[in-house]
Protein backbone atom coordinates (compact mmCIF):
# COMPACT_ATOMS: atom_id res chain seq x y z
CA MET A 1 -128.49 -46.38 161.46
CA HIS A 2 -129.77 -43.66 159.24
CA ALA A 3 -129.20 -43.82 155.50
CA PRO A 4 -126.31 -41.69 154.29
CA GLN A 5 -127.14 -38.45 152.55
CA TYR A 6 -125.15 -38.70 149.35
CA GLN A 7 -124.25 -35.23 148.17
CA LEU A 8 -121.17 -36.20 146.22
CA THR A 9 -121.25 -35.48 142.54
CA PRO A 10 -119.69 -37.96 140.12
CA LYS A 11 -117.39 -35.17 138.94
CA LEU A 12 -116.06 -34.62 142.48
CA VAL A 13 -115.55 -38.34 143.10
CA ASP A 14 -113.83 -38.78 139.73
CA GLY A 15 -111.61 -35.76 140.33
CA LEU A 16 -110.56 -36.96 143.77
CA TYR A 17 -110.02 -40.48 142.45
CA THR A 18 -107.78 -39.21 139.63
CA GLU A 19 -105.83 -37.07 142.09
CA ALA A 20 -105.39 -40.02 144.46
CA MET A 21 -104.26 -42.37 141.70
CA LEU A 22 -101.75 -39.88 140.30
CA LEU A 23 -100.40 -39.16 143.77
CA ALA A 24 -100.16 -42.90 144.52
CA ASP A 25 -98.21 -43.42 141.31
CA GLU A 26 -95.87 -40.52 142.12
CA ALA A 27 -95.34 -41.82 145.66
CA ARG A 28 -94.65 -45.37 144.50
CA SER A 29 -92.20 -44.13 141.91
CA TYR A 30 -90.37 -41.88 144.35
CA PHE A 31 -90.29 -44.19 147.39
CA ASP A 32 -89.03 -47.08 145.22
CA SER A 33 -86.32 -44.96 143.57
CA GLU A 34 -82.58 -45.03 144.20
CA ARG A 35 -82.80 -41.47 145.58
CA ALA A 36 -85.00 -42.76 148.37
CA ARG A 37 -82.52 -45.49 149.29
CA GLU A 38 -79.74 -42.94 149.80
CA ILE A 39 -81.39 -41.00 152.62
CA GLU A 40 -79.01 -40.09 155.46
CA PRO A 41 -78.63 -39.99 158.48
CA ALA A 42 -80.00 -43.26 159.85
CA ASP A 43 -82.75 -41.69 161.99
CA VAL A 44 -84.07 -39.80 158.96
CA ALA A 45 -83.89 -42.98 156.86
CA VAL A 46 -86.01 -44.86 159.41
CA ALA A 47 -88.51 -42.00 159.63
CA PHE A 48 -88.53 -41.85 155.83
CA SER A 49 -89.53 -45.52 155.66
CA CYS A 50 -92.29 -44.94 158.18
CA GLU A 51 -93.55 -41.90 156.30
CA SER A 52 -93.61 -43.82 153.02
CA LEU A 53 -95.91 -46.36 154.69
CA LYS A 54 -98.10 -43.57 156.07
CA VAL A 55 -98.40 -41.98 152.63
CA THR A 56 -99.33 -45.33 151.11
CA THR A 57 -101.87 -46.02 153.86
CA ARG A 58 -103.51 -42.62 153.44
CA LEU A 59 -103.78 -42.97 149.70
CA MET A 60 -105.08 -46.54 149.78
CA HIS A 61 -107.77 -45.56 152.29
CA VAL A 62 -108.80 -42.64 150.08
CA ILE A 63 -108.86 -44.79 146.95
CA ALA A 64 -110.87 -47.54 148.66
CA TRP A 65 -113.39 -45.02 149.99
CA LEU A 66 -113.77 -43.39 146.58
CA LEU A 67 -114.21 -46.77 144.85
CA ASN A 68 -116.91 -47.57 147.40
CA GLN A 69 -118.66 -44.30 146.56
CA LYS A 70 -118.44 -45.11 142.85
CA ALA A 71 -119.95 -48.56 143.47
CA ILE A 72 -122.83 -47.01 145.40
CA ARG A 73 -123.46 -44.47 142.62
CA ALA A 74 -123.37 -47.24 140.00
CA GLY A 75 -125.94 -49.25 141.96
CA GLU A 76 -123.50 -52.08 142.59
CA ILE A 77 -123.94 -51.54 146.34
CA HIS A 78 -127.13 -50.26 147.93
CA PRO A 79 -126.42 -47.64 150.62
CA SER A 80 -128.60 -49.49 153.13
CA ASP A 81 -126.48 -52.64 152.65
CA ILE A 82 -123.33 -50.95 153.83
CA MET A 83 -122.16 -51.32 157.36
CA ARG A 84 -121.12 -47.89 158.56
CA GLU A 85 -117.70 -49.14 159.65
CA LEU A 86 -116.98 -50.40 156.14
CA ASP A 87 -117.97 -47.14 154.50
CA GLU A 88 -115.96 -44.83 156.70
CA LEU A 89 -112.57 -43.62 155.62
CA GLY A 90 -109.94 -45.81 157.28
CA TYR A 91 -107.58 -44.50 159.93
CA ALA A 92 -104.22 -43.18 158.81
CA PRO A 93 -101.64 -41.97 161.33
CA ALA A 94 -100.52 -38.37 161.19
CA THR A 95 -97.07 -37.31 160.14
CA ASP A 96 -94.48 -36.06 162.60
CA ASP A 97 -93.83 -32.54 161.33
CA TRP A 98 -90.50 -32.15 163.09
CA MET A 99 -89.07 -35.15 161.21
CA VAL A 100 -90.62 -34.34 157.86
CA GLU A 101 -88.74 -31.04 157.87
CA ARG A 102 -85.50 -33.04 157.71
CA MET A 103 -86.56 -35.00 154.61
CA PRO A 104 -85.85 -34.23 150.97
CA ASP A 105 -88.21 -31.75 149.30
CA GLU A 106 -89.85 -34.36 147.06
CA ALA A 107 -90.65 -36.63 150.02
CA ARG A 108 -91.97 -33.67 152.01
CA ASN A 109 -94.20 -32.61 149.10
CA LEU A 110 -95.64 -36.12 148.74
CA ILE A 111 -96.31 -36.38 152.47
CA ILE A 112 -98.05 -33.01 152.58
CA ALA A 113 -100.08 -33.74 149.44
CA SER A 114 -101.23 -37.13 150.78
CA GLU A 115 -102.27 -35.57 154.09
CA ASP A 116 -104.12 -32.78 152.33
CA LEU A 117 -106.04 -35.22 150.13
CA TYR A 118 -106.77 -37.53 153.06
CA TYR A 119 -108.11 -34.71 155.25
CA ARG A 120 -110.25 -33.32 152.42
CA VAL A 121 -111.84 -36.73 151.85
CA GLN A 122 -112.18 -37.20 155.61
CA ARG A 123 -114.15 -33.93 155.85
CA ILE A 124 -116.39 -35.01 152.97
CA SER A 125 -116.94 -38.42 154.55
CA SER A 126 -117.79 -36.98 157.95
CA HIS A 127 -120.18 -34.48 156.35
CA ILE A 128 -122.00 -37.19 154.42
CA TYR A 129 -122.67 -39.23 157.55
CA ALA A 130 -123.34 -36.38 159.95
CA GLU A 131 -126.68 -36.58 161.65
CA PRO A 132 -128.94 -33.71 160.62
CA ALA A 133 -128.77 -31.05 163.31
CA ASN A 134 -131.76 -31.05 165.62
CA ALA A 135 -133.74 -33.34 163.33
CA PRO A 136 -136.75 -34.51 165.31
CA GLU A 137 -137.54 -38.19 165.32
CA PRO A 138 -140.77 -39.07 163.46
CA HIS A 139 -142.57 -40.41 166.53
CA LYS A 140 -141.78 -37.20 168.44
CA MET A 141 -143.17 -35.14 165.57
CA ILE A 142 -146.42 -37.13 165.66
CA GLU A 143 -146.69 -36.55 169.41
CA GLN A 144 -146.16 -32.81 168.89
CA ILE A 145 -148.94 -32.75 166.28
CA ARG A 146 -151.30 -34.68 168.60
CA ARG A 147 -150.63 -32.26 171.44
CA ALA A 148 -151.23 -29.28 169.17
CA PHE A 149 -154.75 -30.49 168.30
């Protein structure tokens, strides 16, 4: 396993963390409200419950990943001590667009915002751990130098 190339700035991590926490608070407040309990018809109410879990899952994965990044930056965790599986952003199922269109505007906005944040952090995470393109292995470089002389 190669060591991750940390290119995240504290400002970016803090900004994403603040956004995730605010969105999590908005989602909790909305999905626990009386308005959310009055969703009709029944098929939309069931989908609404599923989507509230998906939103929560996305946001908790994002928050956990960002807290992990903060711990690495603070020296509480050494990057080489992290198992890759534990440092990757967790899986969160996608939203069914056809059903979301039937939901109230506030629910739809929360779902879209959580997906947007999740996918942005997912792109950052995948970029951090991407193998450098065409990076030669050290032993192959030594062999190339030997052959050249």
